Amino acid sequence: MNNVHEKIQMIRDLVNNTWRQQTLLKDNIKWNKVCVSMDVIGDTQIAISDFFSLGDFSAETGDYLYLCGLLQALILQQDAINHMIESLFDRSINWKKRLSYNL
């Protein structure tokens, strides 16, 4: 299994723990934000993995569109991670600093 999918599953298990889930469900916006963020992270990881399974990159075959899709998936994934962290920990990620989170 992909490492990102394993990490997201671990987070899902923690979020769905009774005590944490009850806390999050008190704020519908946070709960929805966490759930959607986890889904987006998983879905974009599928897109990223699919890109790398395409094989050789070639400018002649118009693969730049695939590259743009990869970059967009990375941006979406980064935003989803930030939204998930905001919902769970009430803080944003400063992407300019090196992260030391061990999710």
C-alpha atoms as a PDB file:
ATOM      1  CA  MET A   1       0.000   0.000   0.000  1.00  0.00           C
ATOM      2  CA  ASN A   2       1.121   3.525  -0.772  1.00  0.00           C
ATOM      3  CA  ASN A   3       2.665   5.391   2.171  1.00  0.00           C
ATOM      4  CA  VAL A   4       0.305   8.378   1.785  1.00  0.00           C
ATOM      5  CA  HIS A   5      -2.723   6.076   1.827  1.00  0.00           C
ATOM      6  CA  GLU A   6      -1.389   4.364   4.946  1.00  0.00           C
ATOM      7  CA  LYS A   7      -0.945   7.706   6.704  1.00  0.00           C
ATOM      8  CA  ILE A   8      -4.409   8.911   5.704  1.00  0.00           C
ATOM      9  CA  GLN A   9      -5.905   5.646   6.972  1.00  0.00           C
ATOM     10  CA  MET A  10      -4.125   6.172  10.286  1.00  0.00           C
ATOM     11  CA  ILE A  11      -5.557   9.701  10.492  1.00  0.00           C
ATOM     12  CA  ARG A  12      -9.035   8.401   9.577  1.00  0.00           C
ATOM     13  CA  ASP A  13      -8.806   5.844  12.373  1.00  0.00           C
ATOM     14  CA  LEU A  14      -7.794   8.542  14.857  1.00  0.00           C
ATOM     15  CA  VAL A  15     -10.461  10.995  13.697  1.00  0.00           C
ATOM     16  CA  ASN A  16     -13.141   8.307  13.894  1.00  0.00           C
ATOM     17  CA  ASN A  17     -12.138   7.445  17.448  1.00  0.00           C
ATOM     18  CA  THR A  18     -15.205   8.124  19.564  1.00  0.00           C
ATOM     19  CA  TRP A  19     -13.749  10.898  21.731  1.00  0.00           C
ATOM     20  CA  ARG A  20     -12.137  12.790  18.839  1.00  0.00           C
ATOM     21  CA  GLN A  21     -15.137  12.347  16.571  1.00  0.00           C
ATOM     22  CA  GLN A  22     -17.487  13.761  19.208  1.00  0.00           C
ATOM     23  CA  THR A  23     -15.252  16.799  19.590  1.00  0.00           C
ATOM     24  CA  LEU A  24     -15.084  17.379  15.839  1.00  0.00           C
ATOM     25  CA  LEU A  25     -18.810  16.833  15.309  1.00  0.00           C
ATOM     26  CA  LYS A  26     -19.537  19.782  17.608  1.00  0.00           C
ATOM     27  CA  ASP A  27     -18.305  21.966  14.753  1.00  0.00           C
ATOM     28  CA  ASN A  28     -19.845  20.815  11.457  1.00  0.00           C
ATOM     29  CA  ILE A  29     -17.511  22.981   9.410  1.00  0.00           C
ATOM     30  CA  LYS A  30     -14.407  21.431  10.974  1.00  0.00           C
ATOM     31  CA  TRP A  31     -15.807  17.910  10.640  1.00  0.00           C
ATOM     32  CA  ASN A  32     -16.664  18.397   6.957  1.00  0.00           C
ATOM     33  CA  LYS A  33     -13.303  20.055   6.319  1.00  0.00           C
ATOM     34  CA  VAL A  34     -11.417  17.118   7.841  1.00  0.00           C
ATOM     35  CA  CYS A  35     -13.439  14.528   5.899  1.00  0.00           C
ATOM     36  CA  VAL A  36     -13.144  16.319   2.566  1.00  0.00           C
ATOM     37  CA  SER A  37      -9.440  16.964   3.125  1.00  0.00           C
ATOM     38  CA  MET A  38      -8.748  13.277   3.747  1.00  0.00           C
ATOM     39  CA  ASP A  39     -10.692  12.347   0.602  1.00  0.00           C
ATOM     40  CA  VAL A  40      -8.852  14.923  -1.515  1.00  0.00           C
ATOM     41  CA  ILE A  41      -5.451  13.772  -0.208  1.00  0.00           C
ATOM     42  CA  GLY A  42      -6.274  10.182  -1.101  1.00  0.00           C
ATOM     43  CA  ASP A  43      -7.718  11.039  -4.523  1.00  0.00           C
ATOM     44  CA  THR A  44      -4.824  13.276  -5.497  1.00  0.00           C
ATOM     45  CA  GLN A  45      -2.380  10.575  -4.445  1.00  0.00           C
ATOM     46  CA  ILE A  46      -4.082   8.238  -6.916  1.00  0.00           C
ATOM     47  CA  ALA A  47      -3.590  10.878  -9.640  1.00  0.00           C
ATOM     48  CA  ILE A  48       0.069  11.332  -8.662  1.00  0.00           C
ATOM     49  CA  SER A  49       0.687   7.579  -8.689  1.00  0.00           C
ATOM     50  CA  ASP A  50      -1.050   7.275 -12.065  1.00  0.00           C
ATOM     51  CA  PHE A  51       1.215   9.948 -13.521  1.00  0.00           C
ATOM     52  CA  PHE A  52       4.323   8.005 -12.541  1.00  0.00           C
ATOM     53  CA  SER A  53       2.898   4.816 -14.025  1.00  0.00           C
ATOM     54  CA  LEU A  54       2.573   6.470 -17.460  1.00  0.00           C
ATOM     55  CA  GLY A  55       6.139   5.667 -18.416  1.00  0.00           C
ATOM     56  CA  ASP A  56       8.393   7.897 -20.475  1.00  0.00           C
ATOM     57  CA  PHE A  57       7.614  11.598 -20.694  1.00  0.00           C
ATOM     58  CA  SER A  58       7.599  12.939 -24.239  1.00  0.00           C
ATOM     59  CA  ALA A  59       7.053  16.487 -25.482  1.00  0.00           C
ATOM     60  CA  GLU A  60       6.060  15.149 -28.902  1.00  0.00           C
ATOM     61  CA  THR A  61       3.026  13.277 -27.586  1.00  0.00           C
ATOM     62  CA  GLY A  62       1.612  16.206 -25.618  1.00  0.00           C
ATOM     63  CA  ASP A  63       2.527  14.868 -22.202  1.00  0.00           C
ATOM     64  CA  TYR A  64       2.789  18.423 -20.924  1.00  0.00           C
ATOM     65  CA  LEU A  65      -0.918  18.195 -20.162  1.00  0.00           C
ATOM     66  CA  TYR A  66      -0.179  15.210 -17.910  1.00  0.00           C
ATOM     67  CA  LEU A  67       2.583  17.203 -16.234  1.00  0.00           C
ATOM     68  CA  CYS A  68       0.181  20.099 -15.609  1.00  0.00           C
ATOM     69  CA  GLY A  69      -2.257  17.610 -14.089  1.00  0.00           C
ATOM     70  CA  LEU A  70       0.488  16.314 -11.795  1.00  0.00           C
ATOM     71  CA  LEU A  71       1.355  19.829 -10.653  1.00  0.00           C
ATOM     72  CA  GLN A  72      -2.312  20.637 -10.045  1.00  0.00           C
ATOM     73  CA  ALA A  73      -2.709  17.426  -8.019  1.00  0.00           C
ATOM     74  CA  LEU A  74       0.266  18.438  -5.876  1.00  0.00           C
ATOM     75  CA  ILE A  75      -1.239  21.883  -5.250  1.00  0.00           C
ATOM     76  CA  LEU A  76      -4.609  20.367  -4.355  1.00  0.00           C
ATOM     77  CA  GLN A  77      -2.928  17.892  -2.032  1.00  0.00           C
ATOM     78  CA  GLN A  78      -0.934  20.637  -0.329  1.00  0.00           C
ATOM     79  CA  ASP A  79      -4.091  22.699   0.210  1.00  0.00           C
ATOM     80  CA  ALA A  80      -5.979  19.680   1.561  1.00  0.00           C
ATOM     81  CA  ILE A  81      -3.186  18.890   4.020  1.00  0.00           C
ATOM     82  CA  ASN A  82      -3.221  22.483   5.229  1.00  0.00           C
ATOM     83  CA  HIS A  83      -7.020  22.468   5.652  1.00  0.00           C
ATOM     84  CA  MET A  84      -6.875  19.186   7.545  1.00  0.00           C
ATOM     85  CA  ILE A  85      -4.212  20.565   9.908  1.00  0.00           C
ATOM     86  CA  GLU A  86      -6.259  23.753  10.413  1.00  0.00           C
ATOM     87  CA  SER A  87      -9.322  21.722  11.331  1.00  0.00           C
ATOM     88  CA  LEU A  88      -7.546  19.350  13.676  1.00  0.00           C
ATOM     89  CA  PHE A  89      -5.033  21.664  15.346  1.00  0.00           C
ATOM     90  CA  ASP A  90      -6.369  25.209  14.766  1.00  0.00           C
ATOM     91  CA  ARG A  91      -3.200  26.324  13.004  1.00  0.00           C
ATOM     92  CA  SER A  92      -1.910  26.579   9.465  1.00  0.00           C
ATOM     93  CA  ILE A  93       1.216  25.092   8.019  1.00  0.00           C
ATOM     94  CA  ASN A  94       4.003  27.532   7.240  1.00  0.00           C
ATOM     95  CA  TRP A  95       5.241  25.881   4.052  1.00  0.00           C
ATOM     96  CA  LYS A  96       8.312  28.105   4.041  1.00  0.00           C
ATOM     97  CA  LYS A  97       9.641  26.384   7.159  1.00  0.00           C
ATOM     98  CA  ARG A  98      10.822  22.812   7.283  1.00  0.00           C
ATOM     99  CA  LEU A  99       8.107  20.613   8.764  1.00  0.00           C
ATOM    100  CA  SER A 100       8.760  18.148  11.500  1.00  0.00           C
ATOM    101  CA  TYR A 101       5.328  16.508  11.592  1.00  0.00           C
ATOM    102  CA  ASN A 102       5.418  12.732  11.747  1.00  0.00           C
ATOM    103  CA  LEU A 103       1.909  11.888  10.580  1.00  0.00           C
END
